[in-house]
Amino acid sequence: MKILLIQHHNFLNGSGGTEKICTFIANGLAGLGHEIEIATHQNIKGKPVFPLKSNITVTNIFDENTPQIELKPVFNYTGLNLLKWIFYKIQKKITKRENRKLIKKFGGADGLLKYNLRFRANQWKNYIEIQKPDLIITMSIGSLLEITFENEYKIPIVNSVNGRPDYDYSDILWYRSPFEIALLKNAYRYLAGIQVLFESYKEFLPETFNGRAEIIPNPVPQFKDEDIVNHKTAKEIYKIINIGTLASDCKQQHIAIEAFAAVSEKYPNWELHFWGEGSDFEFLDNKIKMLHLQNRIFLNGFTNDPLSKLKESDIFIFPSKYEGFPLALTEAISSGLPALGFSACSGVNELIDHNQNGFLAKDTDELTMYIERLIINTDLRSEMGRNGHLKMRQFAPESIITDWDSFLSHCKENYKEQYNI
């Protein structure tokens, strides 16, 4: 089967969860004999971050001749130079005024969105008609909207959901206009099938979806029993670790800092380590400095070997506000680390079994309490780590890709029967 995976942005140079899952699906299906191509639409030069099999094609369909009207970026100066602050303040006002004029020209922000989307969708239509895939997998509802806006295809389309479904079409996480929400919801009617991560996520699909919903979790790296973290080994320094994008609005690393700081004086041989990059590096760095904990809390930047960082640690802390199926958390649990998160966080509350492989806290005070409980109890860390390691066996990559292959075959056959193709 010729399968086209579409991730319309971020695939090139992207190292997030969606890029990792896109690569996993592509490699897995190619390994089963399918012809695989990945397509994106990005105005950048770059390449995939995660390794792909040599027989997988990656195509960036961006064309500078495709009409697109972009708003000018607004720059916020955060330095201390007064003259620069005045200069950039004036520039910001000028830029905002120009952007308002541009938006007004198109009858509002929705009009500008529709203008740009129409040209990109037409470009996708031409490309897909040339490729003639047997099936399309879109890696987001945004990608689905990109290819289906004002277009029709006689090709089954399946969407991969890397989060709770309603995050993709609502304004729960950030502002979307009613017009954009309507467009995104309408895109679901083009789907022959959709993959969701947990049974509970099915209830968050919109009423416009009429295809087949299949539960397929993300793959989790597996460890031999003898290779998981050994909590019985005495150390001079013990580590609490977090891996993720430095983004306080979602990942909430500042809460991990506050919780650790509350007990740090009592346990001087414990450290808190963050691995990842993001826009909130400076904010978190300043918070650490204000607490005078530069020698105890570390922002280490990007790592291309997260599993080795997990295996040299003792507790995994993941205080996110919302998630889908957090890969870093599953990798940590699989490696034998007890995990800490918030009970209200989607995804996290599916993967952490409270009192079994970690703790789910209601607030920062409870998170602090659970940190201390794990710090002082080696046997508890060991027991919870092994429980989590065993729980992650259900997400072995080879079984996940088999489920994907079966799901796609069902969607293709059902589509052919439905439309007499």
Protein backbone atom coordinates (compact mmCIF):
# COMPACT_ATOMS: atom_id res chain seq x y z
CA MET A 1 0.00 0.00 0.00
CA LYS A 2 1.25 3.47 -0.89
CA ILE A 3 0.81 5.62 2.22
CA LEU A 4 1.32 9.37 2.45
CA LEU A 5 1.88 10.87 5.89
CA ILE A 6 1.22 14.61 6.10
CA GLN A 7 2.57 16.85 8.86
CA HIS A 8 2.07 20.28 7.38
CA HIS A 9 4.51 22.07 9.68
CA ASN A 10 7.33 21.42 12.18
CA PHE A 11 8.43 18.05 10.77
CA LEU A 12 11.70 19.44 9.41
CA ASN A 13 14.03 20.31 12.31
CA GLY A 14 11.28 19.35 14.78
CA SER A 15 12.10 17.17 17.78
CA GLY A 16 8.71 17.08 19.53
CA GLY A 17 6.31 14.24 20.20
CA THR A 18 4.41 14.55 16.91
CA GLU A 19 7.63 14.37 14.89
CA LYS A 20 8.77 11.33 16.86
CA ILE A 21 5.45 9.51 16.33
CA CYS A 22 5.34 10.43 12.64
CA THR A 23 8.81 8.92 12.26
CA PHE A 24 7.81 5.82 14.21
CA ILE A 25 4.72 5.20 12.08
CA ALA A 26 6.64 5.78 8.85
CA ASN A 27 9.51 3.48 9.81
CA GLY A 28 7.19 0.80 11.15
CA LEU A 29 4.94 0.71 8.11
CA ALA A 30 7.92 0.79 5.75
CA GLY A 31 9.29 -2.20 7.63
CA LEU A 32 6.05 -4.05 6.88
CA GLY A 33 6.50 -3.47 3.16
CA HIS A 34 4.42 -0.35 2.55
CA GLU A 35 5.61 2.45 0.28
CA ILE A 36 5.93 5.51 2.51
CA GLU A 37 6.28 9.22 1.86
CA ILE A 38 6.16 12.07 4.38
CA ALA A 39 5.07 15.50 3.15
CA THR A 40 5.30 18.87 4.86
CA HIS A 41 4.84 22.54 3.97
CA GLN A 42 7.54 24.65 5.63
CA ASN A 43 9.28 27.84 4.58
CA ILE A 44 12.61 26.65 5.95
CA LYS A 45 15.60 24.54 5.04
CA GLY A 46 16.17 21.50 7.20
CA LYS A 47 15.82 17.79 7.60
CA PRO A 48 14.06 15.30 9.88
CA VAL A 49 15.57 15.09 13.36
CA PHE A 50 14.70 11.46 14.00
CA PRO A 51 16.27 8.76 11.77
CA LEU A 52 14.18 7.43 8.90
CA LYS A 53 14.62 4.27 6.83
CA SER A 54 16.46 4.91 3.58
CA ASN A 55 13.45 3.96 1.42
CA ILE A 56 11.22 6.66 2.95
CA THR A 57 10.82 9.86 0.94
CA VAL A 58 10.44 13.25 2.64
CA THR A 59 9.00 16.07 0.54
CA ASN A 60 8.61 19.73 1.43
CA ILE A 61 5.97 21.08 -0.97
CA PHE A 62 6.57 24.72 0.00
CA ASP A 63 6.60 26.99 -3.05
CA GLU A 64 7.52 30.64 -2.66
CA ASN A 65 5.21 31.44 -5.58
CA THR A 66 2.14 30.28 -3.64
CA PRO A 67 0.44 33.50 -2.45
CA GLN A 68 0.61 33.90 1.32
CA ILE A 69 0.10 37.04 3.40
CA GLU A 70 1.92 36.96 6.73
CA LEU A 71 1.59 39.37 9.63
CA LYS A 72 4.80 41.00 10.75
CA PRO A 73 6.23 39.50 13.96
CA VAL A 74 6.02 41.65 17.09
CA PHE A 75 9.29 41.81 19.02
CA ASN A 76 9.28 42.23 22.80
CA TYR A 77 12.53 43.67 24.16
CA THR A 78 13.44 42.18 27.56
CA GLY A 79 16.82 43.83 28.13
CA LEU A 80 17.72 46.65 30.49
CA ASN A 81 18.95 49.26 27.99
CA LEU A 82 16.52 52.20 28.24
CA LEU A 83 17.20 53.55 24.72
CA LYS A 84 16.67 50.12 23.17
CA TRP A 85 13.50 49.69 25.22
CA ILE A 86 12.11 52.99 23.84
CA PHE A 87 13.15 52.08 20.27
CA TYR A 88 11.53 48.65 20.34
CA LYS A 89 8.44 50.04 22.07
CA ILE A 90 7.94 52.42 19.15
CA GLN A 91 8.67 49.65 16.62
CA LYS A 92 6.13 47.41 18.33
CA LYS A 93 3.42 50.06 18.03
CA ILE A 94 4.23 50.63 14.34
CA THR A 95 4.18 46.88 13.61
CA LYS A 96 0.86 46.40 15.39
CA ARG A 97 -0.67 49.29 13.43
CA GLU A 98 0.53 47.81 10.11
CA ASN A 99 -0.83 44.40 11.06
CA ARG A 100 -4.21 45.88 11.93
CA LYS A 101 -4.37 47.56 8.52
CA LEU A 102 -3.50 44.30 6.80
CA ILE A 103 -6.13 42.34 8.74
CA LYS A 104 -8.75 45.02 7.93
CA LYS A 105 -7.89 44.70 4.23
CA PHE A 106 -9.00 41.07 4.30
CA GLY A 107 -12.14 41.74 6.30
CA GLY A 108 -10.68 40.53 9.58
CA ALA A 109 -8.36 37.79 10.85
CA ASP A 110 -10.73 35.07 9.64
CA GLY A 111 -10.64 36.48 6.14
CA LEU A 112 -6.84 36.42 6.14
CA LEU A 113 -6.86 32.84 7.44
CA LYS A 114 -9.24 31.78 4.67
CA TYR A 115 -7.18 33.54 1.99
CA ASN A 116 -3.95 31.81 2.98
CA LEU A 117 -5.58 28.45 3.58
CA ARG A 118 -7.24 28.39 0.15
CA PHE A 119 -3.92 28.70 -1.68
CA ARG A 120 -2.16 26.11 0.47
CA ALA A 121 -5.06 23.67 0.11
CA ASN A 122 -4.97 24.04 -3.65
CA GLN A 123 -1.25 23.31 -3.62
CA TRP A 124 -1.85 20.19 -1.52
CA LYS A 125 -4.60 19.06 -3.91
CA ASN A 126 -2.26 19.25 -6.91
CA TYR A 127 0.49 17.40 -5.07
CA ILE A 128 -1.78 14.59 -3.80
CA GLU A 129 -3.33 14.05 -7.23
CA ILE A 130 0.15 13.53 -8.66
CA GLN A 131 1.21 11.15 -5.87
CA LYS A 132 -1.99 9.05 -5.99
CA PRO A 133 -1.56 7.44 -2.54
CA ASP A 134 -3.77 4.54 -1.49
CA LEU A 135 -4.23 6.11 1.95
CA ILE A 136 -3.34 9.35 3.73
CA ILE A 137 -2.41 9.75 7.38
CA THR A 138 -2.61 13.29 8.71
CA MET A 139 -0.55 13.95 11.84
CA SER A 140 -2.91 16.66 13.14
CA ILE A 141 -6.33 18.13 12.46
CA GLY A 142 -4.49 21.22 11.26
CA SER A 143 -2.85 19.05 8.59
CA LEU A 144 -6.24 17.54 7.74
CA LEU A 145 -7.72 21.01 7.30
CA GLU A 146 -4.77 22.04 5.10
CA ILE A 147 -5.48 19.32 2.54
CA THR A 148 -9.30 19.18 2.67
CA PHE A 149 -10.28 22.87 2.72
CA GLU A 150 -12.59 23.28 -0.30
CA ASN A 151 -11.21 19.95 -1.63
CA GLU A 152 -12.63 16.46 -2.08
CA TYR A 153 -10.63 13.22 -2.39
CA LYS A 154 -11.50 9.64 -3.28
CA ILE A 155 -8.81 8.45 -0.90
CA PRO A 156 -9.32 7.20 2.68
CA ILE A 157 -7.85 9.62 5.21
CA VAL A 158 -6.88 8.62 8.75
CA ASN A 159 -5.83 11.07 11.45
CA SER A 160 -3.30 10.45 14.20
CA VAL A 161 -4.15 12.26 17.42
CA ASN A 162 -1.19 13.12 19.63
CA GLY A 163 -3.28 14.60 22.43
CA ARG A 164 -6.79 14.77 23.81
CA PRO A 165 -8.96 15.26 20.70
CA ASP A 166 -10.78 18.41 21.81
CA TYR A 167 -7.46 20.22 22.19
CA ASP A 168 -7.24 20.12 18.38
CA TYR A 169 -10.47 21.90 17.49
CA SER A 170 -11.50 23.99 20.52
CA ASP A 171 -10.24 27.09 22.33
CA ILE A 172 -9.53 25.21 25.58
CA LEU A 173 -5.76 25.74 25.36
CA TRP A 174 -5.52 28.95 23.37
CA TYR A 175 -7.73 31.33 21.44
CA ARG A 176 -9.35 30.14 18.25
CA SER A 177 -12.07 32.16 16.58
CA PRO A 178 -15.51 30.59 16.10
CA PHE A 179 -14.75 30.58 12.36
CA GLU A 180 -11.54 28.58 12.81
CA ILE A 181 -13.23 26.16 15.23
CA ALA A 182 -15.98 25.56 12.67
CA LEU A 183 -13.41 24.88 9.96
CA LEU A 184 -11.52 22.41 12.15
CA LYS A 185 -14.68 20.59 13.22
CA ASN A 186 -15.87 20.36 9.64
CA ALA A 187 -12.57 18.73 8.61
CA TYR A 188 -13.45 15.64 10.69
CA ARG A 189 -16.16 14.66 8.22
CA TYR A 190 -13.45 13.75 5.68
CA LEU A 191 -11.98 11.06 7.93
CA ALA A 192 -12.39 7.35 7.33
CA GLY A 193 -10.78 6.73 10.71
CA ILE A 194 -9.07 8.34 13.65
CA GLN A 195 -6.58 6.96 16.14
CA VAL A 196 -6.99 7.99 19.77
CA LEU A 197 -4.62 7.28 22.62
CA PHE A 198 -7.00 6.19 25.39
CA GLU A 199 -10.57 4.88 25.59
CA SER A 200 -11.57 7.95 27.62
CA TYR A 201 -10.47 10.23 24.76
CA LYS A 202 -13.24 8.96 22.45
CA GLU A 203 -15.79 11.13 24.26
CA PHE A 204 -13.87 14.24 23.19
CA LEU A 205 -14.36 13.65 19.45
CA PRO A 206 -16.67 16.20 17.79
CA GLU A 207 -20.13 15.36 16.52
CA THR A 208 -18.92 15.89 12.93
CA PHE A 209 -16.78 12.73 13.06
CA ASN A 210 -18.49 9.66 11.59
CA GLY A 211 -15.57 7.34 10.88
CA ARG A 212 -13.96 4.51 12.83
CA ALA A 213 -12.22 5.43 16.10
CA GLU A 214 -9.43 3.09 17.14
CA ILE A 215 -7.47 3.07 20.40
CA ILE A 216 -3.77 2.87 19.57
CA PRO A 217 -1.38 4.21 22.22
CA ASN A 218 2.04 5.58 21.48
CA PRO A 219 5.03 3.23 21.55
CA VAL A 220 7.25 3.13 24.61
CA PRO A 221 10.90 1.96 24.63
CA GLN A 222 11.27 -1.32 26.47
CA PHE A 223 14.01 -2.26 28.95
CA LYS A 224 15.15 -5.64 30.14
CA ASP A 225 14.34 -6.21 33.81
CA GLU A 226 18.02 -6.16 34.69
CA ASP A 227 18.58 -2.86 32.86
CA ILE A 228 16.09 -0.63 34.68
CA VAL A 229 17.19 1.90 37.31
CA ASN A 230 18.64 0.21 40.39
CA HIS A 231 17.42 2.23 43.34
CA LYS A 232 19.43 0.16 45.80
CA THR A 233 22.72 1.62 44.56
CA ALA A 234 24.12 4.18 47.00
CA LYS A 235 25.15 7.50 45.47
CA GLU A 236 26.80 10.72 46.51
CA ILE A 237 24.25 12.72 44.50
CA TYR A 238 20.65 11.74 43.71
CA LYS A 239 18.69 13.33 40.86
CA ILE A 240 15.11 14.35 40.21
CA ILE A 241 14.70 14.81 36.46
CA ASN A 242 12.29 16.45 34.03
CA ILE A 243 12.51 16.16 30.24
CA GLY A 244 10.42 18.44 28.04
CA THR A 245 10.09 21.74 26.25
CA LEU A 246 10.69 24.66 28.58
CA ALA A 247 7.18 26.09 28.36
CA SER A 248 5.65 27.14 31.65
CA ASP A 249 2.11 27.54 30.33
CA CYS A 250 1.95 23.80 29.60
CA LYS A 251 4.91 21.95 31.15
CA GLN A 252 4.94 24.09 34.32
CA GLN A 253 8.59 23.49 35.20
CA HIS A 254 8.39 26.48 37.54
CA ILE A 255 6.14 24.41 39.80
CA ALA A 256 8.74 21.64 39.95
CA ILE A 257 11.30 24.26 40.98
CA GLU A 258 9.04 25.60 43.73
CA ALA A 259 8.24 22.13 45.06
CA PHE A 260 11.87 21.03 45.13
CA ALA A 261 13.00 24.30 46.68
CA ALA A 262 10.65 23.71 49.61
CA VAL A 263 12.60 20.59 50.67
CA SER A 264 16.03 21.24 49.18
CA GLU A 265 17.70 22.36 52.42
CA LYS A 266 16.69 19.15 54.20
CA TYR A 267 18.23 16.94 51.51
CA PRO A 268 21.51 18.51 50.33
CA ASN A 269 22.57 15.46 48.27
CA TRP A 270 19.57 15.78 45.94
CA GLU A 271 19.49 17.84 42.73
CA LEU A 272 16.81 18.81 40.19
CA HIS A 273 17.75 18.52 36.51
CA PHE A 274 15.84 19.79 33.47
CA TRP A 275 16.59 18.56 29.96
CA GLY A 276 15.05 20.45 27.05
CA GLU A 277 14.95 23.78 25.29
CA GLY A 278 12.23 26.39 25.00
CA SER A 279 11.12 29.98 25.18
CA ASP A 280 10.95 30.02 28.99
CA PHE A 281 14.63 29.30 29.64
CA GLU A 282 15.29 32.84 30.87
CA PHE A 283 12.18 32.88 33.08
CA LEU A 284 13.16 29.58 34.74
CA ASP A 285 16.79 30.58 35.02
CA ASN A 286 15.85 33.79 36.82
CA LYS A 287 13.58 31.86 39.18
CA ILE A 288 16.44 29.51 40.08
CA LYS A 289 18.74 32.47 40.72
CA MET A 290 16.16 34.20 42.90
CA LEU A 291 16.01 31.05 45.04
CA HIS A 292 19.83 30.89 45.12
CA LEU A 293 19.74 27.29 43.96
CA GLN A 294 22.05 27.47 40.94
CA ASN A 295 24.17 24.69 42.47
CA ARG A 296 21.15 22.43 43.02
CA ILE A 297 18.82 23.06 40.04
CA PHE A 298 20.17 22.81 36.49
CA LEU A 299 18.82 23.77 33.06
CA ASN A 300 20.92 21.43 30.93
CA GLY A 301 19.50 22.13 27.46
CA PHE A 302 18.79 19.61 24.71
CA THR A 303 19.90 15.98 24.92
CA ASN A 304 19.97 13.53 22.03
CA ASP A 305 20.19 10.64 24.50
CA PRO A 306 17.29 11.07 26.96
CA LEU A 307 17.27 7.41 28.00
CA SER A 308 20.78 7.63 29.42
CA LYS A 309 19.75 10.73 31.41
CA LEU A 310 16.77 8.85 32.83
CA LYS A 311 18.85 5.85 33.86
CA GLU A 312 21.22 7.99 35.91
CA SER A 313 18.29 9.60 37.78
CA ASP A 314 16.09 8.58 40.72
CA ILE A 315 12.70 10.35 40.40
CA PHE A 316 10.86 11.71 37.36
CA ILE A 317 8.80 14.86 37.92
CA PHE A 318 6.26 15.95 35.30
CA PRO A 319 4.02 18.79 36.54
CA SER A 320 2.28 19.50 33.21
CA LYS A 321 -1.06 21.25 33.03
CA TYR A 322 -2.23 19.25 30.00
CA GLU A 323 -0.81 16.42 27.87
CA GLY A 324 -1.88 13.80 25.37
CA PHE A 325 0.32 10.75 25.73
CA PRO A 326 3.57 12.24 27.07
CA LEU A 327 6.47 10.27 25.61
CA ALA A 328 9.05 11.53 28.10
CA LEU A 329 6.88 10.35 30.98
CA THR A 330 6.36 6.89 29.49
CA GLU A 331 10.08 6.51 28.81
CA ALA A 332 10.85 7.48 32.40
CA ILE A 333 8.33 5.00 33.80
CA SER A 334 9.58 2.26 31.49
CA SER A 335 13.16 2.84 32.67
CA GLY A 336 12.14 2.18 36.28
CA LEU A 337 11.68 5.69 37.69
CA PRO A 338 8.78 6.51 40.03
CA ALA A 339 6.83 9.39 38.51
CA LEU A 340 5.18 12.51 39.89
CA GLY A 341 2.45 14.51 38.17
CA PHE A 342 -0.87 16.26 38.67
CA SER A 343 -4.15 14.36 38.93
CA ALA A 344 -5.98 16.90 36.74
CA CYS A 345 -3.55 16.54 33.81
CA SER A 346 -4.90 14.56 30.86
CA GLY A 347 -2.61 11.74 29.77
CA VAL A 348 -0.54 11.95 32.94
CA ASN A 349 -3.49 10.72 35.00
CA GLU A 350 -3.83 7.76 32.60
CA LEU A 351 -0.18 6.68 32.85
CA ILE A 352 0.60 7.27 36.52
CA ASP A 353 -1.31 4.90 38.77
CA HIS A 354 -1.48 6.71 42.09
CA ASN A 355 0.35 4.85 44.85
CA GLN A 356 1.46 2.19 42.34
CA ASN A 357 4.07 3.61 39.96
CA GLY A 358 4.10 7.14 41.33
CA PHE A 359 1.93 9.84 42.82
CA LEU A 360 -0.72 12.17 41.40
CA ALA A 361 -0.86 15.44 43.31
CA LYS A 362 -3.76 17.87 43.55
CA ASP A 363 -1.56 20.94 44.01
CA THR A 364 2.00 22.15 44.62
CA ASP A 365 1.87 21.39 48.35
CA GLU A 366 0.95 17.77 47.67
CA LEU A 367 3.64 17.56 45.00
CA THR A 368 6.20 18.73 47.56
CA MET A 369 4.95 16.13 50.03
CA TYR A 370 5.29 13.33 47.48
CA ILE A 371 8.79 14.46 46.50
CA GLU A 372 9.87 14.13 50.10
CA ARG A 373 8.13 10.78 50.50
CA LEU A 374 10.12 9.37 47.59
CA ILE A 375 13.39 11.00 48.67
CA ILE A 376 13.35 9.36 52.09
CA ASN A 377 12.17 5.90 51.00
CA THR A 378 14.50 3.91 48.76
CA ASP A 379 12.31 0.81 48.91
CA LEU A 380 9.28 2.82 47.75
CA ARG A 381 11.23 4.23 44.80
CA SER A 382 12.34 0.73 43.87
CA GLU A 383 8.86 -0.80 44.14
CA MET A 384 7.16 1.97 42.20
CA GLY A 385 9.88 1.93 39.56
CA ARG A 386 9.42 -1.79 38.94
CA ASN A 387 5.61 -1.45 38.88
CA GLY A 388 5.86 1.22 36.23
CA HIS A 389 8.37 -0.75 34.19
CA LEU A 390 5.94 -3.68 34.03
CA LYS A 391 2.98 -1.40 33.18
CA MET A 392 4.78 -0.06 30.11
CA ARG A 393 5.10 -3.53 28.53
CA GLN A 394 1.63 -3.08 27.03
CA PHE A 395 3.05 -0.30 24.85
CA ALA A 396 5.82 -2.32 23.15
CA PRO A 397 6.60 -0.72 19.73
CA GLU A 398 6.21 -3.93 17.70
CA SER A 399 2.63 -4.47 18.91
CA ILE A 400 1.73 -0.81 18.36
CA ILE A 401 2.83 -0.81 14.71
CA THR A 402 0.94 -4.09 14.13
CA ASP A 403 -2.19 -2.37 15.47
CA TRP A 404 -1.59 0.56 13.11
CA ASP A 405 -1.20 -1.75 10.11
CA SER A 406 -4.42 -3.59 10.93
CA PHE A 407 -6.32 -0.35 11.52
CA LEU A 408 -5.22 1.15 8.19
CA SER A 409 -6.19 -2.02 6.30
CA HIS A 410 -9.67 -1.95 7.87
CA CYS A 411 -10.11 1.73 7.01
CA LYS A 412 -9.05 1.17 3.40
CA GLU A 413 -11.34 -1.83 2.89
CA ASN A 414 -14.32 -0.16 4.57
CA TYR A 415 -13.78 2.95 2.45
CA LYS A 416 -13.71 0.89 -0.75
CA GLU A 417 -16.92 -0.88 0.21
CA GLN A 418 -18.67 2.33 1.21
CA TYR A 419 -17.87 4.14 -2.04
CA ASN A 420 -17.72 1.10 -4.38
CA ILE A 421 -14.13 1.85 -5.36
